[in-house]
Amino acid sequence: MLGTKIRVFQYKPKKSSKKARGHRSRLSRITIEDIAVGSAPKRAAAKAAPEKAAAAEAAPKKAPAKPRKKPAAAKPAAEQEA
């Protein structure tokens, strides 16, 4: 949905300069379907978090990966003979 049209006009006297611009802002329409009164229901996700932590502890742990070494740069033939 678009808002009302807004006209913007710029004029500089003695310069023969005129600019006419405008825009229509995009508007959102929100519908409120329900308003709850009282305390919020307890979250089920709070109970699921300890279960995930227990499963993560039971899983076997991997050793940290060793950093890879870069291969040595090839030396020119003149340096290898010396």
PDB file of N, CA and C in Angstrom:
ATOM      1  N   MET A   1       0.843  -1.163   0.000  1.00  0.00           N
ATOM      2  CA  MET A   1       0.000   0.000   0.000  1.00  0.00           C
ATOM      3  C   MET A   1       0.898   1.237   0.000  1.00  0.00           C
ATOM      4  N   LEU A   2       0.513   2.212  -0.779  1.00  0.00           N
ATOM      5  CA  LEU A   2       1.292   3.428  -0.882  1.00  0.00           C
ATOM      6  C   LEU A   2       0.635   4.557  -0.104  1.00  0.00           C
ATOM      7  N   GLY A   3       1.465   5.451   0.454  1.00  0.00           N
ATOM      8  CA  GLY A   3       0.961   6.614   1.183  1.00  0.00           C
ATOM      9  C   GLY A   3       0.552   7.716   0.213  1.00  0.00           C
ATOM     10  N   THR A   4       0.248   8.874   0.751  1.00  0.00           N
ATOM     11  CA  THR A   4      -0.155  10.000  -0.079  1.00  0.00           C
ATOM     12  C   THR A   4       1.041  10.530  -0.855  1.00  0.00           C
ATOM     13  N   LYS A   5       0.769  11.106  -2.016  1.00  0.00           N
ATOM     14  CA  LYS A   5       1.833  11.629  -2.865  1.00  0.00           C
ATOM     15  C   LYS A   5       2.356  12.935  -2.274  1.00  0.00           C
ATOM     16  N   ILE A   6       3.669  13.036  -2.187  1.00  0.00           N
ATOM     17  CA  ILE A   6       4.313  14.227  -1.650  1.00  0.00           C
ATOM     18  C   ILE A   6       5.060  14.909  -2.797  1.00  0.00           C
ATOM     19  N   ARG A   7       4.792  16.182  -3.003  1.00  0.00           N
ATOM     20  CA  ARG A   7       5.453  16.962  -4.051  1.00  0.00           C
ATOM     21  C   ARG A   7       6.598  17.761  -3.439  1.00  0.00           C
ATOM     22  N   VAL A   8       7.760  17.702  -4.057  1.00  0.00           N
ATOM     23  CA  VAL A   8       8.913  18.477  -3.623  1.00  0.00           C
ATOM     24  C   VAL A   8       9.329  19.323  -4.821  1.00  0.00           C
ATOM     25  N   PHE A   9       9.365  20.638  -4.646  1.00  0.00           N
ATOM     26  CA  PHE A   9       9.712  21.539  -5.736  1.00  0.00           C
ATOM     27  C   PHE A   9      10.850  22.440  -5.289  1.00  0.00           C
ATOM     28  N   GLN A  10      11.919  22.489  -6.090  1.00  0.00           N
ATOM     29  CA  GLN A  10      13.060  23.336  -5.781  1.00  0.00           C
ATOM     30  C   GLN A  10      13.181  24.389  -6.878  1.00  0.00           C
ATOM     31  N   TYR A  11      13.385  25.624  -6.472  1.00  0.00           N
ATOM     32  CA  TYR A  11      13.496  26.729  -7.414  1.00  0.00           C
ATOM     33  C   TYR A  11      14.600  27.667  -6.944  1.00  0.00           C
ATOM     34  N   LYS A  12      15.495  28.018  -7.846  1.00  0.00           N
ATOM     35  CA  LYS A  12      16.562  28.965  -7.533  1.00  0.00           C
ATOM     36  C   LYS A  12      16.338  30.226  -8.370  1.00  0.00           C
ATOM     37  N   PRO A  13      16.022  31.331  -7.726  1.00  0.00           N
ATOM     38  CA  PRO A  13      15.755  32.557  -8.490  1.00  0.00           C
ATOM     39  C   PRO A  13      17.005  33.062  -9.211  1.00  0.00           C
ATOM     40  N   LYS A  14      16.792  33.704 -10.339  1.00  0.00           N
ATOM     41  CA  LYS A  14      17.837  34.308 -11.172  1.00  0.00           C
ATOM     42  C   LYS A  14      18.773  33.270 -11.791  1.00  0.00           C
ATOM     43  N   LYS A  15      18.464  32.001 -11.714  1.00  0.00           N
ATOM     44  CA  LYS A  15      19.316  30.956 -12.288  1.00  0.00           C
ATOM     45  C   LYS A  15      18.563  30.122 -13.319  1.00  0.00           C
ATOM     46  N   SER A  16      17.266  30.312 -13.447  1.00  0.00           N
ATOM     47  CA  SER A  16      16.419  29.503 -14.332  1.00  0.00           C
ATOM     48  C   SER A  16      16.533  28.024 -13.990  1.00  0.00           C
ATOM     49  N   SER A  17      16.583  27.715 -12.713  1.00  0.00           N
ATOM     50  CA  SER A  17      16.728  26.339 -12.263  1.00  0.00           C
ATOM     51  C   SER A  17      15.469  25.918 -11.515  1.00  0.00           C
ATOM     52  N   LYS A  18      14.834  24.868 -12.014  1.00  0.00           N
ATOM     53  CA  LYS A  18      13.634  24.324 -11.367  1.00  0.00           C
ATOM     54  C   LYS A  18      13.754  22.807 -11.322  1.00  0.00           C
ATOM     55  N   LYS A  19      13.367  22.230 -10.214  1.00  0.00           N
ATOM     56  CA  LYS A  19      13.335  20.774 -10.080  1.00  0.00           C
ATOM     57  C   LYS A  19      12.035  20.386  -9.417  1.00  0.00           C
ATOM     58  N   ALA A  20      11.348  19.462 -10.016  1.00  0.00           N
ATOM     59  CA  ALA A  20      10.121  18.952  -9.415  1.00  0.00           C
ATOM     60  C   ALA A  20      10.339  17.472  -9.124  1.00  0.00           C
ATOM     61  N   ARG A  21      10.211  17.100  -7.894  1.00  0.00           N
ATOM     62  CA  ARG A  21      10.364  15.706  -7.469  1.00  0.00           C
ATOM     63  C   ARG A  21       9.180  15.343  -6.588  1.00  0.00           C
ATOM     64  N   GLY A  22       9.096  14.101  -6.282  1.00  0.00           N
ATOM     65  CA  GLY A  22       8.051  13.659  -5.377  1.00  0.00           C
ATOM     66  C   GLY A  22       8.232  12.183  -5.073  1.00  0.00           C
ATOM     67  N   HIS A  23       7.476  11.692  -4.119  1.00  0.00           N
ATOM     68  CA  HIS A  23       7.533  10.265  -3.798  1.00  0.00           C
ATOM     69  C   HIS A  23       6.263   9.858  -3.072  1.00  0.00           C
ATOM     70  N   ARG A  24       6.049   8.555  -3.055  1.00  0.00           N
ATOM     71  CA  ARG A  24       4.957   7.975  -2.280  1.00  0.00           C
ATOM     72  C   ARG A  24       5.569   6.888  -1.415  1.00  0.00           C
ATOM     73  N   SER A  25       5.536   7.066  -0.116  1.00  0.00           N
ATOM     74  CA  SER A  25       6.145   6.108   0.801  1.00  0.00           C
ATOM     75  C   SER A  25       5.344   4.808   0.823  1.00  0.00           C
ATOM     76  N   ARG A  26       6.052   3.712   0.956  1.00  0.00           N
ATOM     77  CA  ARG A  26       5.394   2.408   1.083  1.00  0.00           C
ATOM     78  C   ARG A  26       4.986   2.211   2.539  1.00  0.00           C
ATOM     79  N   LEU A  27       3.759   1.815   2.757  1.00  0.00           N
ATOM     80  CA  LEU A  27       3.231   1.653   4.100  1.00  0.00           C
ATOM     81  C   LEU A  27       2.874   0.196   4.343  1.00  0.00           C
ATOM     82  N   SER A  28       3.029  -0.246   5.578  1.00  0.00           N
ATOM     83  CA  SER A  28       2.668  -1.604   5.967  1.00  0.00           C
ATOM     84  C   SER A  28       1.381  -1.557   6.772  1.00  0.00           C
ATOM     85  N   ARG A  29       0.564  -2.566   6.594  1.00  0.00           N
ATOM     86  CA  ARG A  29      -0.663  -2.663   7.359  1.00  0.00           C
ATOM     87  C   ARG A  29      -0.540  -3.883   8.267  1.00  0.00           C
ATOM     88  N   ILE A  30      -0.703  -3.673   9.558  1.00  0.00           N
ATOM     89  CA  ILE A  30      -0.553  -4.739  10.553  1.00  0.00           C
ATOM     90  C   ILE A  30      -1.910  -5.024  11.162  1.00  0.00           C
ATOM     91  N   THR A  31      -2.226  -6.318  11.277  1.00  0.00           N
ATOM     92  CA  THR A  31      -3.480  -6.730  11.896  1.00  0.00           C
ATOM     93  C   THR A  31      -3.166  -7.454  13.201  1.00  0.00           C
ATOM     94  N   ILE A  32      -3.729  -6.972  14.308  1.00  0.00           N
ATOM     95  CA  ILE A  32      -3.557  -7.624  15.606  1.00  0.00           C
ATOM     96  C   ILE A  32      -4.706  -8.601  15.762  1.00  0.00           C
ATOM     97  N   GLU A  33      -4.363  -9.873  15.863  1.00  0.00           N
ATOM     98  CA  GLU A  33      -5.382 -10.915  15.930  1.00  0.00           C
ATOM     99  C   GLU A  33      -5.760 -11.284  17.354  1.00  0.00           C
ATOM    100  N   ASP A  34      -4.819 -11.155  18.292  1.00  0.00           N
ATOM    101  CA  ASP A  34      -5.112 -11.607  19.645  1.00  0.00           C
ATOM    102  C   ASP A  34      -4.271 -10.803  20.638  1.00  0.00           C
ATOM    103  N   ILE A  35      -4.866 -10.494  21.788  1.00  0.00           N
ATOM    104  CA  ILE A  35      -4.164  -9.843  22.890  1.00  0.00           C
ATOM    105  C   ILE A  35      -4.324 -10.742  24.108  1.00  0.00           C
ATOM    106  N   ALA A  36      -3.193 -11.266  24.604  1.00  0.00           N
ATOM    107  CA  ALA A  36      -3.228 -12.169  25.741  1.00  0.00           C
ATOM    108  C   ALA A  36      -3.103 -11.361  27.035  1.00  0.00           C
ATOM    109  N   VAL A  37      -3.917 -11.706  28.030  1.00  0.00           N
ATOM    110  CA  VAL A  37      -3.890 -11.038  29.319  1.00  0.00           C
ATOM    111  C   VAL A  37      -3.373 -12.036  30.340  1.00  0.00           C
ATOM    112  N   GLY A  38      -2.439 -11.604  31.189  1.00  0.00           N
ATOM    113  CA  GLY A  38      -1.897 -12.499  32.211  1.00  0.00           C
ATOM    114  C   GLY A  38      -0.454 -12.858  31.896  1.00  0.00           C
ATOM    115  N   SER A  39       0.060 -13.886  32.567  1.00  0.00           N
ATOM    116  CA  SER A  39       1.457 -14.268  32.388  1.00  0.00           C
ATOM    117  C   SER A  39       1.627 -15.053  31.095  1.00  0.00           C
ATOM    118  N   ALA A  40       2.815 -14.977  30.548  1.00  0.00           N
ATOM    119  CA  ALA A  40       3.128 -15.678  29.308  1.00  0.00           C
ATOM    120  C   ALA A  40       3.307 -17.161  29.610  1.00  0.00           C
ATOM    121  N   PRO A  41       2.963 -18.038  28.684  1.00  0.00           N
ATOM    122  CA  PRO A  41       3.166 -19.477  28.922  1.00  0.00           C
ATOM    123  C   PRO A  41       4.654 -19.798  28.961  1.00  0.00           C
ATOM    124  N   LYS A  42       5.010 -20.847  29.722  1.00  0.00           N
ATOM    125  CA  LYS A  42       6.410 -21.237  29.839  1.00  0.00           C
ATOM    126  C   LYS A  42       6.889 -21.809  28.516  1.00  0.00           C
ATOM    127  N   ARG A  43       8.140 -21.539  28.213  1.00  0.00           N
ATOM    128  CA  ARG A  43       8.704 -21.987  26.956  1.00  0.00           C
ATOM    129  C   ARG A  43       9.119 -23.452  27.037  1.00  0.00           C
ATOM    130  N   ALA A  44       8.828 -24.197  25.985  1.00  0.00           N
ATOM    131  CA  ALA A  44       9.260 -25.582  25.906  1.00  0.00           C
ATOM    132  C   ALA A  44      10.727 -25.665  25.528  1.00  0.00           C
ATOM    133  N   ALA A  45      11.268 -24.627  24.890  1.00  0.00           N
ATOM    134  CA  ALA A  45      12.661 -24.627  24.463  1.00  0.00           C
ATOM    135  C   ALA A  45      13.605 -24.639  25.660  1.00  0.00           C
ATOM    136  N   ALA A  46      13.182 -24.091  26.794  1.00  0.00           N
ATOM    137  CA  ALA A  46      14.032 -24.081  27.975  1.00  0.00           C
ATOM    138  C   ALA A  46      14.273 -25.508  28.478  1.00  0.00           C
ATOM    139  N   LYS A  47      13.299 -26.379  28.315  1.00  0.00           N
ATOM    140  CA  LYS A  47      13.469 -27.774  28.723  1.00  0.00           C
ATOM    141  C   LYS A  47      14.324 -28.538  27.721  1.00  0.00           C
ATOM    142  N   ALA A  48      14.249 -28.184  26.457  1.00  0.00           N
ATOM    143  CA  ALA A  48      14.988 -28.902  25.421  1.00  0.00           C
ATOM    144  C   ALA A  48      16.482 -28.596  25.483  1.00  0.00           C
ATOM    145  N   ALA A  49      16.863 -27.442  25.986  1.00  0.00           N
ATOM    146  CA  ALA A  49      18.271 -27.052  26.028  1.00  0.00           C
ATOM    147  C   ALA A  49      19.116 -28.000  26.881  1.00  0.00           C
ATOM    148  N   PRO A  50      18.694 -28.418  28.088  1.00  0.00           N
ATOM    149  CA  PRO A  50      19.522 -29.361  28.850  1.00  0.00           C
ATOM    150  C   PRO A  50      19.661 -30.716  28.155  1.00  0.00           C
ATOM    151  N   GLU A  51      18.657 -31.141  27.410  1.00  0.00           N
ATOM    152  CA  GLU A  51      18.746 -32.416  26.713  1.00  0.00           C
ATOM    153  C   GLU A  51      19.810 -32.352  25.624  1.00  0.00           C
ATOM    154  N   LYS A  52      19.882 -31.231  24.925  1.00  0.00           N
ATOM    155  CA  LYS A  52      20.887 -31.084  23.876  1.00  0.00           C
ATOM    156  C   LYS A  52      22.282 -31.052  24.489  1.00  0.00           C
ATOM    157  N   ALA A  53      22.436 -30.396  25.637  1.00  0.00           N
ATOM    158  CA  ALA A  53      23.736 -30.321  26.285  1.00  0.00           C
ATOM    159  C   ALA A  53      24.192 -31.707  26.740  1.00  0.00           C
ATOM    160  N   ALA A  54      23.280 -32.520  27.244  1.00  0.00           N
ATOM    161  CA  ALA A  54      23.626 -33.873  27.680  1.00  0.00           C
ATOM    162  C   ALA A  54      24.025 -34.731  26.484  1.00  0.00           C
ATOM    163  N   ALA A  55      23.344 -34.562  25.362  1.00  0.00           N
ATOM    164  CA  ALA A  55      23.678 -35.326  24.163  1.00  0.00           C
ATOM    165  C   ALA A  55      25.045 -34.919  23.628  1.00  0.00           C
ATOM    166  N   ALA A  56      25.391 -33.653  23.726  1.00  0.00           N
ATOM    167  CA  ALA A  56      26.683 -33.174  23.246  1.00  0.00           C
ATOM    168  C   ALA A  56      27.816 -33.717  24.111  1.00  0.00           C
ATOM    169  N   GLU A  57      27.590 -33.861  25.418  1.00  0.00           N
ATOM    170  CA  GLU A  57      28.616 -34.400  26.309  1.00  0.00           C
ATOM    171  C   GLU A  57      28.829 -35.882  26.065  1.00  0.00           C
ATOM    172  N   ALA A  58      27.791 -36.610  25.702  1.00  0.00           N
ATOM    173  CA  ALA A  58      27.897 -38.047  25.491  1.00  0.00           C
ATOM    174  C   ALA A  58      28.601 -38.368  24.175  1.00  0.00           C
ATOM    175  N   ALA A  59      28.567 -37.472  23.214  1.00  0.00           N
ATOM    176  CA  ALA A  59      29.195 -37.713  21.915  1.00  0.00           C
ATOM    177  C   ALA A  59      30.717 -37.729  22.078  1.00  0.00           C
ATOM    178  N   PRO A  60      31.408 -38.615  21.322  1.00  0.00           N
ATOM    179  CA  PRO A  60      32.871 -38.643  21.417  1.00  0.00           C
ATOM    180  C   PRO A  60      33.459 -37.350  20.864  1.00  0.00           C
ATOM    181  N   LYS A  61      34.529 -36.891  21.523  1.00  0.00           N
ATOM    182  CA  LYS A  61      35.153 -35.640  21.109  1.00  0.00           C
ATOM    183  C   LYS A  61      36.313 -35.937  20.165  1.00  0.00           C
ATOM    184  N   LYS A  62      36.445 -35.079  19.147  1.00  0.00           N
ATOM    185  CA  LYS A  62      37.522 -35.232  18.187  1.00  0.00           C
ATOM    186  C   LYS A  62      38.739 -34.447  18.668  1.00  0.00           C
ATOM    187  N   ALA A  63      39.923 -34.929  18.267  1.00  0.00           N
ATOM    188  CA  ALA A  63      41.149 -34.215  18.584  1.00  0.00           C
ATOM    189  C   ALA A  63      41.220 -32.967  17.715  1.00  0.00           C
ATOM    190  N   PRO A  64      41.806 -31.897  18.212  1.00  0.00           N
ATOM    191  CA  PRO A  64      41.897 -30.694  17.383  1.00  0.00           C
ATOM    192  C   PRO A  64      42.755 -30.941  16.153  1.00  0.00           C
ATOM    193  N   ALA A  65      42.379 -30.337  15.058  1.00  0.00           N
ATOM    194  CA  ALA A  65      43.093 -30.529  13.801  1.00  0.00           C
ATOM    195  C   ALA A  65      44.462 -29.861  13.870  1.00  0.00           C
ATOM    196  N   LYS A  66      45.481 -30.515  13.307  1.00  0.00           N
ATOM    197  CA  LYS A  66      46.821 -29.961  13.293  1.00  0.00           C
ATOM    198  C   LYS A  66      46.927 -28.985  12.129  1.00  0.00           C
ATOM    199  N   PRO A  67      47.625 -27.884  12.325  1.00  0.00           N
ATOM    200  CA  PRO A  67      47.779 -26.946  11.206  1.00  0.00           C
ATOM    201  C   PRO A  67      48.646 -27.563  10.120  1.00  0.00           C
ATOM    202  N   ARG A  68      48.278 -27.321   8.876  1.00  0.00           N
ATOM    203  CA  ARG A  68      49.027 -27.873   7.759  1.00  0.00           C
ATOM    204  C   ARG A  68      50.219 -26.976   7.439  1.00  0.00           C
ATOM    205  N   LYS A  69      51.314 -27.615   7.087  1.00  0.00           N
ATOM    206  CA  LYS A  69      52.500 -26.871   6.696  1.00  0.00           C
ATOM    207  C   LYS A  69      52.441 -26.606   5.200  1.00  0.00           C
ATOM    208  N   LYS A  70      52.929 -25.440   4.820  1.00  0.00           N
ATOM    209  CA  LYS A  70      52.983 -25.108   3.406  1.00  0.00           C
ATOM    210  C   LYS A  70      54.174 -25.822   2.791  1.00  0.00           C
ATOM    211  N   PRO A  71      54.034 -26.317   1.550  1.00  0.00           N
ATOM    212  CA  PRO A  71      55.175 -26.978   0.911  1.00  0.00           C
ATOM    213  C   PRO A  71      56.280 -25.967   0.637  1.00  0.00           C
ATOM    214  N   ALA A  72      57.502 -26.449   0.716  1.00  0.00           N
ATOM    215  CA  ALA A  72      58.649 -25.573   0.490  1.00  0.00           C
ATOM    216  C   ALA A  72      58.661 -25.130  -0.963  1.00  0.00           C
ATOM    217  N   ALA A  73      59.053 -23.886  -1.179  1.00  0.00           N
ATOM    218  CA  ALA A  73      59.105 -23.360  -2.541  1.00  0.00           C
ATOM    219  C   ALA A  73      60.245 -24.021  -3.302  1.00  0.00           C
ATOM    220  N   ALA A  74      60.023 -24.281  -4.568  1.00  0.00           N
ATOM    221  CA  ALA A  74      61.051 -24.909  -5.404  1.00  0.00           C
ATOM    222  C   ALA A  74      62.194 -23.916  -5.622  1.00  0.00           C
ATOM    223  N   LYS A  75      63.425 -24.387  -5.397  1.00  0.00           N
ATOM    224  CA  LYS A  75      64.593 -23.510  -5.563  1.00  0.00           C
ATOM    225  C   LYS A  75      65.084 -23.632  -7.010  1.00  0.00           C
ATOM    226  N   PRO A  76      65.600 -22.531  -7.537  1.00  0.00           N
ATOM    227  CA  PRO A  76      66.173 -22.620  -8.904  1.00  0.00           C
ATOM    228  C   PRO A  76      67.340 -23.600  -8.932  1.00  0.00           C
ATOM    229  N   ALA A  77      67.652 -24.130 -10.098  1.00  0.00           N
ATOM    230  CA  ALA A  77      68.703 -25.137 -10.277  1.00  0.00           C
ATOM    231  C   ALA A  77      70.063 -24.599  -9.856  1.00  0.00           C
ATOM    232  N   ALA A  78      70.340 -23.321 -10.044  1.00  0.00           N
ATOM    233  CA  ALA A  78      71.652 -22.733  -9.702  1.00  0.00           C
ATOM    234  C   ALA A  78      71.888 -22.800  -8.189  1.00  0.00           C
ATOM    235  N   GLU A  79      70.857 -22.616  -7.363  1.00  0.00           N
ATOM    236  CA  GLU A  79      71.025 -22.662  -5.915  1.00  0.00           C
ATOM    237  C   GLU A  79      71.143 -24.087  -5.402  1.00  0.00           C
ATOM    238  N   GLN A  80      70.520 -25.043  -6.077  1.00  0.00           N
ATOM    239  CA  GLN A  80      70.574 -26.434  -5.620  1.00  0.00           C
ATOM    240  C   GLN A  80      71.970 -27.028  -5.806  1.00  0.00           C
ATOM    241  N   GLU A  81      72.692 -26.618  -6.878  1.00  0.00           N
ATOM    242  CA  GLU A  81      74.007 -27.179  -7.140  1.00  0.00           C
ATOM    243  C   GLU A  81      75.052 -26.623  -6.193  1.00  0.00           C
ATOM    244  N   ALA A  82      74.885 -25.440  -5.681  1.00  0.00           N
ATOM    245  CA  ALA A  82      75.901 -24.818  -4.850  1.00  0.00           C
ATOM    246  C   ALA A  82      75.940 -25.363  -3.462  1.00  0.00           C
TER     247      ALA A  82
END
